[in-house]
Amino acid sequence: MTNPESAQKPRSDRSPWNWLLFLPIVLPLLPFLFNSDEPRLFGFPLFYWLQLAFIIVGVSCTTLVYRMTR
């Protein structure tokens, strides 16, 4: 016997928050971001620390979308 109050509504993947997941995909594909050797951070050129920043952006966007859509 099913209880209508305990039945979960079907999940929908049509949340506008999902559009935020395109940011960590598109951001590393923009070549003008890598077009320089300067500035350096702790002796590392822009390319290397920018890659680490992209990881942080990806994790942040994924976490935010997960929390807002569950």
PDB file of N, CA and C in Angstrom:
ATOM      1  N   MET A   1       0.844  -1.170   0.000  1.00  0.00           N
ATOM      2  CA  MET A   1       0.000   0.000   0.000  1.00  0.00           C
ATOM      3  C   MET A   1       0.896   1.241   0.000  1.00  0.00           C
ATOM      4  N   THR A   2       0.699   2.127  -0.925  1.00  0.00           N
ATOM      5  CA  THR A   2       1.535   3.326  -1.010  1.00  0.00           C
ATOM      6  C   THR A   2       0.822   4.499  -0.357  1.00  0.00           C
ATOM      7  N   ASN A   3       1.597   5.275   0.301  1.00  0.00           N
ATOM      8  CA  ASN A   3       1.088   6.467   0.959  1.00  0.00           C
ATOM      9  C   ASN A   3       1.389   7.668   0.063  1.00  0.00           C
ATOM     10  N   PRO A   4       0.372   8.443  -0.374  1.00  0.00           N
ATOM     11  CA  PRO A   4       0.643   9.561  -1.286  1.00  0.00           C
ATOM     12  C   PRO A   4       1.512  10.643  -0.659  1.00  0.00           C
ATOM     13  N   GLU A   5       1.516  10.758   0.639  1.00  0.00           N
ATOM     14  CA  GLU A   5       2.349  11.775   1.288  1.00  0.00           C
ATOM     15  C   GLU A   5       3.820  11.405   1.265  1.00  0.00           C
ATOM     16  N   SER A   6       4.111  10.108   1.286  1.00  0.00           N
ATOM     17  CA  SER A   6       5.508   9.679   1.310  1.00  0.00           C
ATOM     18  C   SER A   6       6.086   9.485  -0.086  1.00  0.00           C
ATOM     19  N   ALA A   7       5.250   9.515  -1.105  1.00  0.00           N
ATOM     20  CA  ALA A   7       5.736   9.352  -2.480  1.00  0.00           C
ATOM     21  C   ALA A   7       6.515  10.590  -2.894  1.00  0.00           C
ATOM     22  N   GLN A   8       7.677  10.366  -3.473  1.00  0.00           N
ATOM     23  CA  GLN A   8       8.509  11.486  -3.915  1.00  0.00           C
ATOM     24  C   GLN A   8       8.072  11.914  -5.308  1.00  0.00           C
ATOM     25  N   LYS A   9       8.162  13.206  -5.543  1.00  0.00           N
ATOM     26  CA  LYS A   9       7.862  13.695  -6.879  1.00  0.00           C
ATOM     27  C   LYS A   9       9.009  13.331  -7.815  1.00  0.00           C
ATOM     28  N   PRO A  10       8.725  13.116  -9.074  1.00  0.00           N
ATOM     29  CA  PRO A  10       9.802  12.764 -10.006  1.00  0.00           C
ATOM     30  C   PRO A  10      10.794  13.921 -10.161  1.00  0.00           C
ATOM     31  N   ARG A  11      12.049  13.558 -10.266  1.00  0.00           N
ATOM     32  CA  ARG A  11      13.096  14.571 -10.407  1.00  0.00           C
ATOM     33  C   ARG A  11      13.102  15.129 -11.815  1.00  0.00           C
ATOM     34  N   SER A  12      13.404  16.399 -11.897  1.00  0.00           N
ATOM     35  CA  SER A  12      13.515  17.051 -13.194  1.00  0.00           C
ATOM     36  C   SER A  12      14.917  17.651 -13.312  1.00  0.00           C
ATOM     37  N   ASP A  13      15.523  17.488 -14.457  1.00  0.00           N
ATOM     38  CA  ASP A  13      16.854  18.046 -14.697  1.00  0.00           C
ATOM     39  C   ASP A  13      16.766  19.374 -15.432  1.00  0.00           C
ATOM     40  N   ARG A  14      15.662  20.046 -15.330  1.00  0.00           N
ATOM     41  CA  ARG A  14      15.447  21.288 -16.067  1.00  0.00           C
ATOM     42  C   ARG A  14      15.647  22.521 -15.192  1.00  0.00           C
ATOM     43  N   SER A  15      16.522  22.433 -14.229  1.00  0.00           N
ATOM     44  CA  SER A  15      16.784  23.575 -13.360  1.00  0.00           C
ATOM     45  C   SER A  15      17.687  24.579 -14.078  1.00  0.00           C
ATOM     46  N   PRO A  16      17.419  25.869 -13.916  1.00  0.00           N
ATOM     47  CA  PRO A  16      18.320  26.864 -14.528  1.00  0.00           C
ATOM     48  C   PRO A  16      19.705  26.860 -13.895  1.00  0.00           C
ATOM     49  N   TRP A  17      19.845  26.291 -12.717  1.00  0.00           N
ATOM     50  CA  TRP A  17      21.167  26.202 -12.087  1.00  0.00           C
ATOM     51  C   TRP A  17      22.118  25.323 -12.894  1.00  0.00           C
ATOM     52  N   ASN A  18      21.584  24.406 -13.680  1.00  0.00           N
ATOM     53  CA  ASN A  18      22.439  23.517 -14.479  1.00  0.00           C
ATOM     54  C   ASN A  18      23.263  24.275 -15.514  1.00  0.00           C
ATOM     55  N   TRP A  19      22.807  25.452 -15.930  1.00  0.00           N
ATOM     56  CA  TRP A  19      23.577  26.248 -16.895  1.00  0.00           C
ATOM     57  C   TRP A  19      24.921  26.681 -16.317  1.00  0.00           C
ATOM     58  N   LEU A  20      25.015  26.736 -15.008  1.00  0.00           N
ATOM     59  CA  LEU A  20      26.272  27.129 -14.373  1.00  0.00           C
ATOM     60  C   LEU A  20      27.370  26.089 -14.616  1.00  0.00           C
ATOM     61  N   LEU A  21      26.996  24.876 -14.950  1.00  0.00           N
ATOM     62  CA  LEU A  21      27.984  23.828 -15.206  1.00  0.00           C
ATOM     63  C   LEU A  21      28.758  24.054 -16.508  1.00  0.00           C
ATOM     64  N   PHE A  22      28.280  24.939 -17.361  1.00  0.00           N
ATOM     65  CA  PHE A  22      29.022  25.258 -18.584  1.00  0.00           C
ATOM     66  C   PHE A  22      30.243  26.130 -18.307  1.00  0.00           C
ATOM     67  N   LEU A  23      30.229  26.852 -17.211  1.00  0.00           N
ATOM     68  CA  LEU A  23      31.339  27.749 -16.885  1.00  0.00           C
ATOM     69  C   LEU A  23      32.680  27.016 -16.775  1.00  0.00           C
ATOM     70  N   PRO A  24      32.797  25.918 -16.011  1.00  0.00           N
ATOM     71  CA  PRO A  24      34.103  25.245 -15.953  1.00  0.00           C
ATOM     72  C   PRO A  24      34.484  24.528 -17.244  1.00  0.00           C
ATOM     73  N   ILE A  25      33.544  24.379 -18.172  1.00  0.00           N
ATOM     74  CA  ILE A  25      33.873  23.763 -19.460  1.00  0.00           C
ATOM     75  C   ILE A  25      34.373  24.810 -20.437  1.00  0.00           C
ATOM     76  N   VAL A  26      33.697  25.950 -20.490  1.00  0.00           N
ATOM     77  CA  VAL A  26      34.009  26.984 -21.481  1.00  0.00           C
ATOM     78  C   VAL A  26      35.203  27.837 -21.053  1.00  0.00           C
ATOM     79  N   LEU A  27      35.326  28.123 -19.789  1.00  0.00           N
ATOM     80  CA  LEU A  27      36.378  29.020 -19.299  1.00  0.00           C
ATOM     81  C   LEU A  27      37.789  28.579 -19.700  1.00  0.00           C
ATOM     82  N   PRO A  28      38.165  27.300 -19.555  1.00  0.00           N
ATOM     83  CA  PRO A  28      39.520  26.904 -19.991  1.00  0.00           C
ATOM     84  C   PRO A  28      39.716  26.899 -21.508  1.00  0.00           C
ATOM     85  N   LEU A  29      38.640  27.024 -22.265  1.00  0.00           N
ATOM     86  CA  LEU A  29      38.758  27.011 -23.721  1.00  0.00           C
ATOM     87  C   LEU A  29      38.969  28.399 -24.320  1.00  0.00           C
ATOM     88  N   LEU A  30      39.017  29.427 -23.498  1.00  0.00           N
ATOM     89  CA  LEU A  30      39.206  30.790 -23.986  1.00  0.00           C
ATOM     90  C   LEU A  30      40.705  31.096 -24.090  1.00  0.00           C
ATOM     91  N   PRO A  31      41.249  31.180 -25.300  1.00  0.00           N
ATOM     92  CA  PRO A  31      42.700  31.307 -25.466  1.00  0.00           C
ATOM     93  C   PRO A  31      43.275  32.635 -24.983  1.00  0.00           C
ATOM     94  N   PHE A  32      42.482  33.707 -24.964  1.00  0.00           N
ATOM     95  CA  PHE A  32      43.044  34.990 -24.542  1.00  0.00           C
ATOM     96  C   PHE A  32      43.417  34.989 -23.055  1.00  0.00           C
ATOM     97  N   LEU A  33      42.916  34.033 -22.298  1.00  0.00           N
ATOM     98  CA  LEU A  33      43.296  33.950 -20.883  1.00  0.00           C
ATOM     99  C   LEU A  33      44.742  33.477 -20.701  1.00  0.00           C
ATOM    100  N   PHE A  34      45.235  32.675 -21.644  1.00  0.00           N
ATOM    101  CA  PHE A  34      46.575  32.089 -21.542  1.00  0.00           C
ATOM    102  C   PHE A  34      47.612  32.838 -22.359  1.00  0.00           C
ATOM    103  N   ASN A  35      47.283  33.976 -22.894  1.00  0.00           N
ATOM    104  CA  ASN A  35      48.109  34.656 -23.872  1.00  0.00           C
ATOM    105  C   ASN A  35      49.253  35.443 -23.253  1.00  0.00           C
ATOM    106  N   SER A  36      49.645  35.122 -22.029  1.00  0.00           N
ATOM    107  CA  SER A  36      50.669  35.907 -21.354  1.00  0.00           C
ATOM    108  C   SER A  36      51.492  35.020 -20.424  1.00  0.00           C
ATOM    109  N   ASP A  37      52.721  35.421 -20.207  1.00  0.00           N
ATOM    110  CA  ASP A  37      53.576  34.729 -19.237  1.00  0.00           C
ATOM    111  C   ASP A  37      53.446  35.371 -17.865  1.00  0.00           C
ATOM    112  N   GLU A  38      53.153  36.627 -17.862  1.00  0.00           N
ATOM    113  CA  GLU A  38      52.987  37.375 -16.617  1.00  0.00           C
ATOM    114  C   GLU A  38      51.515  37.486 -16.296  1.00  0.00           C
ATOM    115  N   PRO A  39      51.082  37.625 -15.121  1.00  0.00           N
ATOM    116  CA  PRO A  39      51.836  37.721 -13.883  1.00  0.00           C
ATOM    117  C   PRO A  39      52.283  36.343 -13.400  1.00  0.00           C
ATOM    118  N   ARG A  40      53.278  36.364 -12.582  1.00  0.00           N
ATOM    119  CA  ARG A  40      53.767  35.132 -11.965  1.00  0.00           C
ATOM    120  C   ARG A  40      53.322  35.102 -10.513  1.00  0.00           C
ATOM    121  N   LEU A  41      52.998  33.922 -10.047  1.00  0.00           N
ATOM    122  CA  LEU A  41      52.573  33.737  -8.672  1.00  0.00           C
ATOM    123  C   LEU A  41      53.490  32.704  -8.039  1.00  0.00           C
ATOM    124  N   PHE A  42      54.281  33.122  -7.064  1.00  0.00           N
ATOM    125  CA  PHE A  42      55.276  32.263  -6.400  1.00  0.00           C
ATOM    126  C   PHE A  42      56.254  31.669  -7.413  1.00  0.00           C
ATOM    127  N   GLY A  43      56.563  32.415  -8.466  1.00  0.00           N
ATOM    128  CA  GLY A  43      57.504  31.972  -9.486  1.00  0.00           C
ATOM    129  C   GLY A  43      56.895  31.140 -10.595  1.00  0.00           C
ATOM    130  N   PHE A  44      55.615  30.795 -10.490  1.00  0.00           N
ATOM    131  CA  PHE A  44      54.956  29.993 -11.517  1.00  0.00           C
ATOM    132  C   PHE A  44      54.292  30.912 -12.537  1.00  0.00           C
ATOM    133  N   PRO A  45      54.454  30.601 -13.826  1.00  0.00           N
ATOM    134  CA  PRO A  45      53.803  31.416 -14.861  1.00  0.00           C
ATOM    135  C   PRO A  45      52.281  31.321 -14.775  1.00  0.00           C
ATOM    136  N   LEU A  46      51.637  32.255 -15.434  1.00  0.00           N
ATOM    137  CA  LEU A  46      50.188  32.364 -15.425  1.00  0.00           C
ATOM    138  C   LEU A  46      49.498  31.055 -15.785  1.00  0.00           C
ATOM    139  N   PHE A  47      49.993  30.338 -16.791  1.00  0.00           N
ATOM    140  CA  PHE A  47      49.326  29.128 -17.267  1.00  0.00           C
ATOM    141  C   PHE A  47      49.139  28.107 -16.150  1.00  0.00           C
ATOM    142  N   TYR A  48      50.150  27.897 -15.326  1.00  0.00           N
ATOM    143  CA  TYR A  48      50.084  26.844 -14.315  1.00  0.00           C
ATOM    144  C   TYR A  48      49.132  27.181 -13.179  1.00  0.00           C
ATOM    145  N   TRP A  49      49.219  28.399 -12.651  1.00  0.00           N
ATOM    146  CA  TRP A  49      48.314  28.695 -11.538  1.00  0.00           C
ATOM    147  C   TRP A  49      46.897  28.963 -12.022  1.00  0.00           C
ATOM    148  N   LEU A  50      46.747  29.322 -13.303  1.00  0.00           N
ATOM    149  CA  LEU A  50      45.407  29.479 -13.853  1.00  0.00           C
ATOM    150  C   LEU A  50      44.713  28.116 -13.983  1.00  0.00           C
ATOM    151  N   GLN A  51      45.476  27.075 -14.297  1.00  0.00           N
ATOM    152  CA  GLN A  51      44.905  25.724 -14.335  1.00  0.00           C
ATOM    153  C   GLN A  51      44.392  25.311 -12.958  1.00  0.00           C
ATOM    154  N   LEU A  52      45.123  25.637 -11.924  1.00  0.00           N
ATOM    155  CA  LEU A  52      44.665  25.334 -10.562  1.00  0.00           C
ATOM    156  C   LEU A  52      43.424  26.152 -10.209  1.00  0.00           C
ATOM    157  N   ALA A  53      43.362  27.375 -10.687  1.00  0.00           N
ATOM    158  CA  ALA A  53      42.170  28.198 -10.444  1.00  0.00           C
ATOM    159  C   ALA A  53      40.952  27.610 -11.152  1.00  0.00           C
ATOM    160  N   PHE A  54      41.152  27.026 -12.336  1.00  0.00           N
ATOM    161  CA  PHE A  54      40.042  26.401 -13.054  1.00  0.00           C
ATOM    162  C   PHE A  54      39.502  25.193 -12.292  1.00  0.00           C
ATOM    163  N   ILE A  55      40.363  24.472 -11.620  1.00  0.00           N
ATOM    164  CA  ILE A  55      39.917  23.344 -10.799  1.00  0.00           C
ATOM    165  C   ILE A  55      39.031  23.846  -9.666  1.00  0.00           C
ATOM    166  N   ILE A  56      39.445  24.924  -9.029  1.00  0.00           N
ATOM    167  CA  ILE A  56      38.652  25.500  -7.942  1.00  0.00           C
ATOM    168  C   ILE A  56      37.302  25.995  -8.456  1.00  0.00           C
ATOM    169  N   VAL A  57      37.288  26.625  -9.624  1.00  0.00           N
ATOM    170  CA  VAL A  57      36.029  27.092 -10.219  1.00  0.00           C
ATOM    171  C   VAL A  57      35.120  25.903 -10.535  1.00  0.00           C
ATOM    172  N   GLY A  58      35.677  24.836 -11.069  1.00  0.00           N
ATOM    173  CA  GLY A  58      34.887  23.654 -11.406  1.00  0.00           C
ATOM    174  C   GLY A  58      34.274  22.998 -10.182  1.00  0.00           C
ATOM    175  N   VAL A  59      35.055  22.854  -9.139  1.00  0.00           N
ATOM    176  CA  VAL A  59      34.551  22.251  -7.908  1.00  0.00           C
ATOM    177  C   VAL A  59      33.481  23.146  -7.282  1.00  0.00           C
ATOM    178  N   SER A  60      33.714  24.442  -7.288  1.00  0.00           N
ATOM    179  CA  SER A  60      32.740  25.374  -6.707  1.00  0.00           C
ATOM    180  C   SER A  60      31.417  25.361  -7.466  1.00  0.00           C
ATOM    181  N   CYS A  61      31.485  25.390  -8.792  1.00  0.00           N
ATOM    182  CA  CYS A  61      30.260  25.375  -9.601  1.00  0.00           C
ATOM    183  C   CYS A  61      29.499  24.064  -9.412  1.00  0.00           C
ATOM    184  N   THR A  62      30.213  22.958  -9.408  1.00  0.00           N
ATOM    185  CA  THR A  62      29.566  21.667  -9.236  1.00  0.00           C
ATOM    186  C   THR A  62      28.903  21.552  -7.870  1.00  0.00           C
ATOM    187  N   THR A  63      29.580  22.009  -6.832  1.00  0.00           N
ATOM    188  CA  THR A  63      29.021  21.962  -5.492  1.00  0.00           C
ATOM    189  C   THR A  63      27.789  22.859  -5.381  1.00  0.00           C
ATOM    190  N   LEU A  64      27.870  24.048  -5.932  1.00  0.00           N
ATOM    191  CA  LEU A  64      26.739  24.978  -5.873  1.00  0.00           C
ATOM    192  C   LEU A  64      25.528  24.405  -6.605  1.00  0.00           C
ATOM    193  N   VAL A  65      25.723  23.870  -7.797  1.00  0.00           N
ATOM    194  CA  VAL A  65      24.605  23.315  -8.563  1.00  0.00           C
ATOM    195  C   VAL A  65      24.021  22.111  -7.824  1.00  0.00           C
ATOM    196  N   TYR A  66      24.860  21.275  -7.250  1.00  0.00           N
ATOM    197  CA  TYR A  66      24.371  20.116  -6.521  1.00  0.00           C
ATOM    198  C   TYR A  66      23.498  20.539  -5.339  1.00  0.00           C
ATOM    199  N   ARG A  67      23.970  21.507  -4.572  1.00  0.00           N
ATOM    200  CA  ARG A  67      23.218  21.944  -3.395  1.00  0.00           C
ATOM    201  C   ARG A  67      21.925  22.677  -3.766  1.00  0.00           C
ATOM    202  N   MET A  68      21.927  23.398  -4.855  1.00  0.00           N
ATOM    203  CA  MET A  68      20.738  24.150  -5.236  1.00  0.00           C
ATOM    204  C   MET A  68      19.684  23.291  -5.930  1.00  0.00           C
ATOM    205  N   THR A  69      20.066  22.143  -6.467  1.00  0.00           N
ATOM    206  CA  THR A  69      19.114  21.327  -7.230  1.00  0.00           C
ATOM    207  C   THR A  69      18.693  20.053  -6.513  1.00  0.00           C
ATOM    208  N   ARG A  70      19.208  19.759  -5.352  1.00  0.00           N
ATOM    209  CA  ARG A  70      18.772  18.515  -4.716  1.00  0.00           C
ATOM    210  C   ARG A  70      17.515  18.686  -3.922  1.00  0.00           C
TER     211      ARG A  70
END
